Amino acid sequence: MSIPKRTLQSKLKQKFGFEDTSGSKHEGLALYVNDKKVATVRLSRSHDTIDDSILREIAKQCWVSMGFLREMVDCTKSQEDYATHLKRMGRLD
């Protein structure tokens, strides 16, 4: 099931603290924690919706499963849940 790219971008930025980053052919979002880049997401400029195959790749870039990413977008996972997960994955101190 696809989701609108704008929805994903706004959730990652507003709820989880991702920031816009410059990119050549892709739009980018990065998450910095204590000046350390923790995750970088690349989104195609030519797509308005994101299908499951691309969403799976974005989940990998966020260091989560696709189900976890969907829960982030659906607002059933909080910023604290994501931080806890990143700590378990060794991405945060």
PDB file of N, CA and C in Angstrom:
ATOM      1  N   MET A   1       0.841  -1.169   0.000  1.00  0.00           N
ATOM      2  CA  MET A   1       0.000   0.000   0.000  1.00  0.00           C
ATOM      3  C   MET A   1       0.892   1.241   0.000  1.00  0.00           C
ATOM      4  N   SER A   2       0.684   2.128  -0.933  1.00  0.00           N
ATOM      5  CA  SER A   2       1.535   3.306  -1.054  1.00  0.00           C
ATOM      6  C   SER A   2       1.072   4.414  -0.107  1.00  0.00           C
ATOM      7  N   ILE A   3       2.006   5.319   0.170  1.00  0.00           N
ATOM      8  CA  ILE A   3       1.684   6.482   0.992  1.00  0.00           C
ATOM      9  C   ILE A   3       2.180   7.727   0.256  1.00  0.00           C
ATOM     10  N   PRO A   4       1.545   8.863   0.476  1.00  0.00           N
ATOM     11  CA  PRO A   4       2.004  10.093  -0.153  1.00  0.00           C
ATOM     12  C   PRO A   4       3.389  10.492   0.372  1.00  0.00           C
ATOM     13  N   LYS A   5       4.257  10.907  -0.530  1.00  0.00           N
ATOM     14  CA  LYS A   5       5.612  11.303  -0.152  1.00  0.00           C
ATOM     15  C   LYS A   5       5.578  12.461   0.846  1.00  0.00           C
ATOM     16  N   ARG A   6       4.677  13.413   0.630  1.00  0.00           N
ATOM     17  CA  ARG A   6       4.578  14.571   1.534  1.00  0.00           C
ATOM     18  C   ARG A   6       4.229  14.144   2.960  1.00  0.00           C
ATOM     19  N   THR A   7       3.389  13.130   3.094  1.00  0.00           N
ATOM     20  CA  THR A   7       3.014  12.635   4.416  1.00  0.00           C
ATOM     21  C   THR A   7       4.241  12.078   5.125  1.00  0.00           C
ATOM     22  N   LEU A   8       5.006  11.249   4.422  1.00  0.00           N
ATOM     23  CA  LEU A   8       6.215  10.676   5.010  1.00  0.00           C
ATOM     24  C   LEU A   8       7.193  11.779   5.397  1.00  0.00           C
ATOM     25  N   GLN A   9       7.423  12.714   4.498  1.00  0.00           N
ATOM     26  CA  GLN A   9       8.357  13.806   4.776  1.00  0.00           C
ATOM     27  C   GLN A   9       7.927  14.608   6.001  1.00  0.00           C
ATOM     28  N   SER A  10       6.664  14.970   6.062  1.00  0.00           N
ATOM     29  CA  SER A  10       6.213  15.799   7.183  1.00  0.00           C
ATOM     30  C   SER A  10       6.291  15.048   8.505  1.00  0.00           C
ATOM     31  N   LYS A  11       5.960  13.765   8.522  1.00  0.00           N
ATOM     32  CA  LYS A  11       6.048  12.988   9.776  1.00  0.00           C
ATOM     33  C   LYS A  11       7.493  12.875  10.236  1.00  0.00           C
ATOM     34  N   LEU A  12       8.395  12.558   9.292  1.00  0.00           N
ATOM     35  CA  LEU A  12       9.801  12.416   9.674  1.00  0.00           C
ATOM     36  C   LEU A  12      10.373  13.737  10.183  1.00  0.00           C
ATOM     37  N   LYS A  13       9.987  14.834   9.562  1.00  0.00           N
ATOM     38  CA  LYS A  13      10.529  16.129   9.968  1.00  0.00           C
ATOM     39  C   LYS A  13       9.870  16.652  11.241  1.00  0.00           C
ATOM     40  N   GLN A  14       8.555  16.681  11.275  1.00  0.00           N
ATOM     41  CA  GLN A  14       7.856  17.304  12.396  1.00  0.00           C
ATOM     42  C   GLN A  14       7.846  16.453  13.660  1.00  0.00           C
ATOM     43  N   LYS A  15       7.715  15.167  13.500  1.00  0.00           N
ATOM     44  CA  LYS A  15       7.581  14.311  14.681  1.00  0.00           C
ATOM     45  C   LYS A  15       8.901  13.696  15.131  1.00  0.00           C
ATOM     46  N   PHE A  16       9.784  13.392  14.168  1.00  0.00           N
ATOM     47  CA  PHE A  16      11.001  12.656  14.510  1.00  0.00           C
ATOM     48  C   PHE A  16      12.284  13.474  14.373  1.00  0.00           C
ATOM     49  N   GLY A  17      12.172  14.726  13.936  1.00  0.00           N
ATOM     50  CA  GLY A  17      13.324  15.614  13.939  1.00  0.00           C
ATOM     51  C   GLY A  17      14.254  15.533  12.747  1.00  0.00           C
ATOM     52  N   PHE A  18      13.825  14.884  11.666  1.00  0.00           N
ATOM     53  CA  PHE A  18      14.657  14.847  10.467  1.00  0.00           C
ATOM     54  C   PHE A  18      14.725  16.251   9.873  1.00  0.00           C
ATOM     55  N   GLU A  19      15.828  16.540   9.183  1.00  0.00           N
ATOM     56  CA  GLU A  19      16.040  17.837   8.550  1.00  0.00           C
ATOM     57  C   GLU A  19      16.276  17.637   7.059  1.00  0.00           C
ATOM     58  N   ASP A  20      15.896  18.646   6.266  1.00  0.00           N
ATOM     59  CA  ASP A  20      16.177  18.599   4.833  1.00  0.00           C
ATOM     60  C   ASP A  20      17.682  18.653   4.609  1.00  0.00           C
ATOM     61  N   THR A  21      18.151  17.869   3.642  1.00  0.00           N
ATOM     62  CA  THR A  21      19.548  17.928   3.227  1.00  0.00           C
ATOM     63  C   THR A  21      19.580  18.075   1.720  1.00  0.00           C
ATOM     64  N   SER A  22      20.626  18.672   1.238  1.00  0.00           N
ATOM     65  CA  SER A  22      20.720  18.865  -0.210  1.00  0.00           C
ATOM     66  C   SER A  22      21.152  17.563  -0.871  1.00  0.00           C
ATOM     67  N   GLY A  23      20.674  17.377  -2.066  1.00  0.00           N
ATOM     68  CA  GLY A  23      21.016  16.200  -2.833  1.00  0.00           C
ATOM     69  C   GLY A  23      20.937  16.512  -4.305  1.00  0.00           C
ATOM     70  N   SER A  24      21.580  15.708  -5.095  1.00  0.00           N
ATOM     71  CA  SER A  24      21.601  15.974  -6.527  1.00  0.00           C
ATOM     72  C   SER A  24      20.282  15.582  -7.178  1.00  0.00           C
ATOM     73  N   LYS A  25      20.051  14.314  -7.361  1.00  0.00           N
ATOM     74  CA  LYS A  25      18.825  13.898  -8.034  1.00  0.00           C
ATOM     75  C   LYS A  25      17.741  13.417  -7.081  1.00  0.00           C
ATOM     76  N   HIS A  26      18.029  13.383  -5.788  1.00  0.00           N
ATOM     77  CA  HIS A  26      17.056  12.947  -4.800  1.00  0.00           C
ATOM     78  C   HIS A  26      16.885  14.008  -3.724  1.00  0.00           C
ATOM     79  N   GLU A  27      15.698  14.046  -3.149  1.00  0.00           N
ATOM     80  CA  GLU A  27      15.476  14.867  -1.972  1.00  0.00           C
ATOM     81  C   GLU A  27      16.023  14.090  -0.785  1.00  0.00           C
ATOM     82  N   GLY A  28      16.573  14.786   0.168  1.00  0.00           N
ATOM     83  CA  GLY A  28      17.159  14.095   1.305  1.00  0.00           C
ATOM     84  C   GLY A  28      16.655  14.615   2.626  1.00  0.00           C
ATOM     85  N   LEU A  29      16.600  13.711   3.587  1.00  0.00           N
ATOM     86  CA  LEU A  29      16.281  14.032   4.965  1.00  0.00           C
ATOM     87  C   LEU A  29      17.332  13.350   5.828  1.00  0.00           C
ATOM     88  N   ALA A  30      17.796  14.034   6.850  1.00  0.00           N
ATOM     89  CA  ALA A  30      18.787  13.451   7.743  1.00  0.00           C
ATOM     90  C   ALA A  30      18.372  13.692   9.188  1.00  0.00           C
ATOM     91  N   LEU A  31      18.706  12.739  10.031  1.00  0.00           N
ATOM     92  CA  LEU A  31      18.454  12.865  11.458  1.00  0.00           C
ATOM     93  C   LEU A  31      19.799  13.015  12.156  1.00  0.00           C
ATOM     94  N   TYR A  32      19.949  14.122  12.871  1.00  0.00           N
ATOM     95  CA  TYR A  32      21.156  14.385  13.651  1.00  0.00           C
ATOM     96  C   TYR A  32      20.799  14.343  15.126  1.00  0.00           C
ATOM     97  N   VAL A  33      21.629  13.654  15.902  1.00  0.00           N
ATOM     98  CA  VAL A  33      21.470  13.621  17.349  1.00  0.00           C
ATOM     99  C   VAL A  33      22.836  13.942  17.935  1.00  0.00           C
ATOM    100  N   ASN A  34      22.904  15.005  18.714  1.00  0.00           N
ATOM    101  CA  ASN A  34      24.182  15.471  19.278  1.00  0.00           C
ATOM    102  C   ASN A  34      25.234  15.660  18.193  1.00  0.00           C
ATOM    103  N   ASP A  35      24.853  16.307  17.119  1.00  0.00           N
ATOM    104  CA  ASP A  35      25.722  16.614  15.971  1.00  0.00           C
ATOM    105  C   ASP A  35      26.236  15.377  15.239  1.00  0.00           C
ATOM    106  N   LYS A  36      25.657  14.231  15.499  1.00  0.00           N
ATOM    107  CA  LYS A  36      26.032  13.003  14.794  1.00  0.00           C
ATOM    108  C   LYS A  36      24.882  12.615  13.867  1.00  0.00           C
ATOM    109  N   LYS A  37      25.223  12.352  12.595  1.00  0.00           N
ATOM    110  CA  LYS A  37      24.189  11.906  11.661  1.00  0.00           C
ATOM    111  C   LYS A  37      23.846  10.458  11.978  1.00  0.00           C
ATOM    112  N   VAL A  38      22.576  10.228  12.275  1.00  0.00           N
ATOM    113  CA  VAL A  38      22.110   8.909  12.683  1.00  0.00           C
ATOM    114  C   VAL A  38      21.456   8.170  11.518  1.00  0.00           C
ATOM    115  N   ALA A  39      20.740   8.896  10.673  1.00  0.00           N
ATOM    116  CA  ALA A  39      20.041   8.274   9.547  1.00  0.00           C
ATOM    117  C   ALA A  39      19.902   9.284   8.415  1.00  0.00           C
ATOM    118  N   THR A  40      19.950   8.788   7.190  1.00  0.00           N
ATOM    119  CA  THR A  40      19.739   9.615   6.007  1.00  0.00           C
ATOM    120  C   THR A  40      18.747   8.914   5.101  1.00  0.00           C
ATOM    121  N   VAL A  41      17.742   9.655   4.664  1.00  0.00           N
ATOM    122  CA  VAL A  41      16.702   9.117   3.788  1.00  0.00           C
ATOM    123  C   VAL A  41      16.773   9.850   2.464  1.00  0.00           C
ATOM    124  N   ARG A  42      16.718   9.102   1.371  1.00  0.00           N
ATOM    125  CA  ARG A  42      16.694   9.679   0.030  1.00  0.00           C
ATOM    126  C   ARG A  42      15.348   9.380  -0.604  1.00  0.00           C
ATOM    127  N   LEU A  43      14.732  10.422  -1.181  1.00  0.00           N
ATOM    128  CA  LEU A  43      13.422  10.296  -1.821  1.00  0.00           C
ATOM    129  C   LEU A  43      13.520  10.816  -3.245  1.00  0.00           C
ATOM    130  N   SER A  44      12.975  10.078  -4.168  1.00  0.00           N
ATOM    131  CA  SER A  44      12.980  10.493  -5.565  1.00  0.00           C
ATOM    132  C   SER A  44      12.145  11.749  -5.748  1.00  0.00           C
ATOM    133  N   ARG A  45      12.683  12.670  -6.512  1.00  0.00           N
ATOM    134  CA  ARG A  45      11.947  13.909  -6.800  1.00  0.00           C
ATOM    135  C   ARG A  45      10.768  13.647  -7.741  1.00  0.00           C
ATOM    136  N   SER A  46      10.822  12.553  -8.491  1.00  0.00           N
ATOM    137  CA  SER A  46       9.812  12.308  -9.523  1.00  0.00           C
ATOM    138  C   SER A  46       8.585  11.531  -9.038  1.00  0.00           C
ATOM    139  N   HIS A  47       8.565  11.097  -7.796  1.00  0.00           N
ATOM    140  CA  HIS A  47       7.432  10.325  -7.282  1.00  0.00           C
ATOM    141  C   HIS A  47       6.648  11.126  -6.260  1.00  0.00           C
ATOM    142  N   ASP A  48       5.324  11.116  -6.399  1.00  0.00           N
ATOM    143  CA  ASP A  48       4.461  11.761  -5.410  1.00  0.00           C
ATOM    144  C   ASP A  48       3.972  10.779  -4.356  1.00  0.00           C
ATOM    145  N   THR A  49       3.998   9.492  -4.698  1.00  0.00           N
ATOM    146  CA  THR A  49       3.621   8.445  -3.748  1.00  0.00           C
ATOM    147  C   THR A  49       4.772   7.458  -3.644  1.00  0.00           C
ATOM    148  N   ILE A  50       4.802   6.759  -2.534  1.00  0.00           N
ATOM    149  CA  ILE A  50       5.865   5.802  -2.260  1.00  0.00           C
ATOM    150  C   ILE A  50       5.239   4.430  -2.112  1.00  0.00           C
ATOM    151  N   ASP A  51       5.630   3.508  -2.998  1.00  0.00           N
ATOM    152  CA  ASP A  51       5.072   2.161  -2.921  1.00  0.00           C
ATOM    153  C   ASP A  51       5.887   1.318  -1.937  1.00  0.00           C
ATOM    154  N   ASP A  52       5.416   0.099  -1.695  1.00  0.00           N
ATOM    155  CA  ASP A  52       6.033  -0.764  -0.687  1.00  0.00           C
ATOM    156  C   ASP A  52       7.500  -1.076  -0.971  1.00  0.00           C
ATOM    157  N   SER A  53       7.875  -1.253  -2.222  1.00  0.00           N
ATOM    158  CA  SER A  53       9.278  -1.584  -2.516  1.00  0.00           C
ATOM    159  C   SER A  53      10.199  -0.428  -2.142  1.00  0.00           C
ATOM    160  N   ILE A  54       9.774   0.793  -2.403  1.00  0.00           N
ATOM    161  CA  ILE A  54      10.583   1.955  -2.035  1.00  0.00           C
ATOM    162  C   ILE A  54      10.499   2.198  -0.531  1.00  0.00           C
ATOM    163  N   LEU A  55       9.323   2.009   0.037  1.00  0.00           N
ATOM    164  CA  LEU A  55       9.152   2.185   1.478  1.00  0.00           C
ATOM    165  C   LEU A  55      10.059   1.232   2.260  1.00  0.00           C
ATOM    166  N   ARG A  56      10.232   0.025   1.749  1.00  0.00           N
ATOM    167  CA  ARG A  56      11.116  -0.949   2.391  1.00  0.00           C
ATOM    168  C   ARG A  56      12.559  -0.420   2.426  1.00  0.00           C
ATOM    169  N   GLU A  57      12.998   0.211   1.339  1.00  0.00           N
ATOM    170  CA  GLU A  57      14.344   0.777   1.291  1.00  0.00           C
ATOM    171  C   GLU A  57      14.474   1.969   2.243  1.00  0.00           C
ATOM    172  N   ILE A  58      13.440   2.777   2.325  1.00  0.00           N
ATOM    173  CA  ILE A  58      13.456   3.919   3.239  1.00  0.00           C
ATOM    174  C   ILE A  58      13.511   3.434   4.686  1.00  0.00           C
ATOM    175  N   ALA A  59      12.786   2.373   4.988  1.00  0.00           N
ATOM    176  CA  ALA A  59      12.829   1.794   6.339  1.00  0.00           C
ATOM    177  C   ALA A  59      14.259   1.373   6.683  1.00  0.00           C
ATOM    178  N   LYS A  60      14.946   0.753   5.745  1.00  0.00           N
ATOM    179  CA  LYS A  60      16.343   0.356   5.979  1.00  0.00           C
ATOM    180  C   LYS A  60      17.202   1.574   6.264  1.00  0.00           C
ATOM    181  N   GLN A  61      16.964   2.651   5.529  1.00  0.00           N
ATOM    182  CA  GLN A  61      17.742   3.874   5.723  1.00  0.00           C
ATOM    183  C   GLN A  61      17.476   4.490   7.099  1.00  0.00           C
ATOM    184  N   CYS A  62      16.287   4.240   7.646  1.00  0.00           N
ATOM    185  CA  CYS A  62      15.924   4.731   8.985  1.00  0.00           C
ATOM    186  C   CYS A  62      16.305   3.739  10.080  1.00  0.00           C
ATOM    187  N   TRP A  63      16.834   2.586   9.702  1.00  0.00           N
ATOM    188  CA  TRP A  63      17.242   1.531  10.640  1.00  0.00           C
ATOM    189  C   TRP A  63      16.060   0.878  11.351  1.00  0.00           C
ATOM    190  N   VAL A  64      14.926   0.766  10.644  1.00  0.00           N
ATOM    191  CA  VAL A  64      13.740   0.126  11.208  1.00  0.00           C
ATOM    192  C   VAL A  64      13.150  -0.854  10.198  1.00  0.00           C
ATOM    193  N   SER A  65      12.204  -1.656  10.656  1.00  0.00           N
ATOM    194  CA  SER A  65      11.458  -2.522   9.743  1.00  0.00           C
ATOM    195  C   SER A  65      10.396  -1.688   9.031  1.00  0.00           C
ATOM    196  N   MET A  66       9.853  -2.237   7.963  1.00  0.00           N
ATOM    197  CA  MET A  66       8.812  -1.519   7.252  1.00  0.00           C
ATOM    198  C   MET A  66       7.590  -1.320   8.152  1.00  0.00           C
ATOM    199  N   GLY A  67       7.261  -2.310   8.962  1.00  0.00           N
ATOM    200  CA  GLY A  67       6.143  -2.184   9.891  1.00  0.00           C
ATOM    201  C   GLY A  67       6.357  -1.064  10.894  1.00  0.00           C
ATOM    202  N   PHE A  68       7.575  -0.959  11.410  1.00  0.00           N
ATOM    203  CA  PHE A  68       7.897   0.105  12.359  1.00  0.00           C
ATOM    204  C   PHE A  68       7.769   1.463  11.680  1.00  0.00           C
ATOM    205  N   LEU A  69       8.258   1.580  10.448  1.00  0.00           N
ATOM    206  CA  LEU A  69       8.151   2.836   9.714  1.00  0.00           C
ATOM    207  C   LEU A  69       6.695   3.213   9.487  1.00  0.00           C
ATOM    208  N   ARG A  70       5.885   2.256   9.125  1.00  0.00           N
ATOM    209  CA  ARG A  70       4.448   2.540   8.941  1.00  0.00           C
ATOM    210  C   ARG A  70       3.823   3.040  10.247  1.00  0.00           C
ATOM    211  N   GLU A  71       4.234   2.447  11.365  1.00  0.00           N
ATOM    212  CA  GLU A  71       3.724   2.898  12.662  1.00  0.00           C
ATOM    213  C   GLU A  71       4.213   4.313  12.978  1.00  0.00           C
ATOM    214  N   MET A  72       5.426   4.657  12.551  1.00  0.00           N
ATOM    215  CA  MET A  72       5.920   6.022  12.727  1.00  0.00           C
ATOM    216  C   MET A  72       5.025   6.998  11.961  1.00  0.00           C
ATOM    217  N   VAL A  73       4.692   6.641  10.726  1.00  0.00           N
ATOM    218  CA  VAL A  73       3.859   7.502   9.881  1.00  0.00           C
ATOM    219  C   VAL A  73       2.426   7.552  10.409  1.00  0.00           C
ATOM    220  N   ASP A  74       1.925   6.436  10.930  1.00  0.00           N
ATOM    221  CA  ASP A  74       0.557   6.379  11.455  1.00  0.00           C
ATOM    222  C   ASP A  74       0.433   6.948  12.864  1.00  0.00           C
ATOM    223  N   CYS A  75       1.543   7.426  13.416  1.00  0.00           N
ATOM    224  CA  CYS A  75       1.576   8.046  14.752  1.00  0.00           C
ATOM    225  C   CYS A  75       1.317   7.066  15.892  1.00  0.00           C
ATOM    226  N   THR A  76       1.589   5.788  15.683  1.00  0.00           N
ATOM    227  CA  THR A  76       1.489   4.844  16.792  1.00  0.00           C
ATOM    228  C   THR A  76       2.861   4.584  17.419  1.00  0.00           C
ATOM    229  N   LYS A  77       3.919   5.098  16.798  1.00  0.00           N
ATOM    230  CA  LYS A  77       5.263   5.075  17.383  1.00  0.00           C
ATOM    231  C   LYS A  77       5.669   6.513  17.641  1.00  0.00           C
ATOM    232  N   SER A  78       6.261   6.737  18.805  1.00  0.00           N
ATOM    233  CA  SER A  78       6.667   8.083  19.190  1.00  0.00           C
ATOM    234  C   SER A  78       8.152   8.299  18.899  1.00  0.00           C
ATOM    235  N   GLN A  79       8.571   9.538  19.070  1.00  0.00           N
ATOM    236  CA  GLN A  79       9.987   9.864  18.922  1.00  0.00           C
ATOM    237  C   GLN A  79      10.802   9.076  19.953  1.00  0.00           C
ATOM    238  N   GLU A  80      10.242   8.913  21.133  1.00  0.00           N
ATOM    239  CA  GLU A  80      10.918   8.137  22.181  1.00  0.00           C
ATOM    240  C   GLU A  80      11.034   6.662  21.781  1.00  0.00           C
ATOM    241  N   ASP A  81       9.986   6.093  21.176  1.00  0.00           N
ATOM    242  CA  ASP A  81      10.044   4.709  20.693  1.00  0.00           C
ATOM    243  C   ASP A  81      11.160   4.549  19.665  1.00  0.00           C
ATOM    244  N   TYR A  82      11.262   5.520  18.762  1.00  0.00           N
ATOM    245  CA  TYR A  82      12.286   5.477  17.713  1.00  0.00           C
ATOM    246  C   TYR A  82      13.680   5.598  18.323  1.00  0.00           C
ATOM    247  N   ALA A  83      13.855   6.509  19.278  1.00  0.00           N
ATOM    248  CA  ALA A  83      15.153   6.664  19.938  1.00  0.00           C
ATOM    249  C   ALA A  83      15.550   5.384  20.670  1.00  0.00           C
ATOM    250  N   THR A  84      14.611   4.769  21.352  1.00  0.00           N
ATOM    251  CA  THR A  84      14.882   3.511  22.050  1.00  0.00           C
ATOM    252  C   THR A  84      15.309   2.431  21.062  1.00  0.00           C
ATOM    253  N   HIS A  85      14.624   2.366  19.934  1.00  0.00           N
ATOM    254  CA  HIS A  85      14.972   1.387  18.897  1.00  0.00           C
ATOM    255  C   HIS A  85      16.382   1.656  18.363  1.00  0.00           C
ATOM    256  N   LEU A  86      16.691   2.917  18.082  1.00  0.00           N
ATOM    257  CA  LEU A  86      18.021   3.249  17.558  1.00  0.00           C
ATOM    258  C   LEU A  86      19.121   2.909  18.569  1.00  0.00           C
ATOM    259  N   LYS A  87      18.833   3.085  19.849  1.00  0.00           N
ATOM    260  CA  LYS A  87      19.806   2.693  20.885  1.00  0.00           C
ATOM    261  C   LYS A  87      20.026   1.185  20.870  1.00  0.00           C
ATOM    262  N   ARG A  88      18.942   0.416  20.747  1.00  0.00           N
ATOM    263  CA  ARG A  88      19.063  -1.055  20.674  1.00  0.00           C
ATOM    264  C   ARG A  88      19.864  -1.482  19.464  1.00  0.00           C
ATOM    265  N   MET A  89      19.734  -0.719  18.372  1.00  0.00           N
ATOM    266  CA  MET A  89      20.449  -1.048  17.128  1.00  0.00           C
ATOM    267  C   MET A  89      21.901  -0.564  17.161  1.00  0.00           C
ATOM    268  N   GLY A  90      22.288   0.155  18.213  1.00  0.00           N
ATOM    269  CA  GLY A  90      23.647   0.676  18.318  1.00  0.00           C
ATOM    270  C   GLY A  90      23.889   1.939  17.520  1.00  0.00           C
ATOM    271  N   ARG A  91      22.817   2.592  17.087  1.00  0.00           N
ATOM    272  CA  ARG A  91      22.935   3.827  16.291  1.00  0.00           C
ATOM    273  C   ARG A  91      23.006   5.063  17.183  1.00  0.00           C
ATOM    274  N   LEU A  92      22.587   4.949  18.439  1.00  0.00           N
ATOM    275  CA  LEU A  92      22.642   6.049  19.396  1.00  0.00           C
ATOM    276  C   LEU A  92      23.358   5.570  20.651  1.00  0.00           C
ATOM    277  N   ASP A  93      24.011   6.503  21.314  1.00  0.00           N
ATOM    278  CA  ASP A  93      24.702   6.182  22.581  1.00  0.00           C
ATOM    279  C   ASP A  93      23.730   6.215  23.724  1.00  0.00           C
TER     280      ASP A  93
END
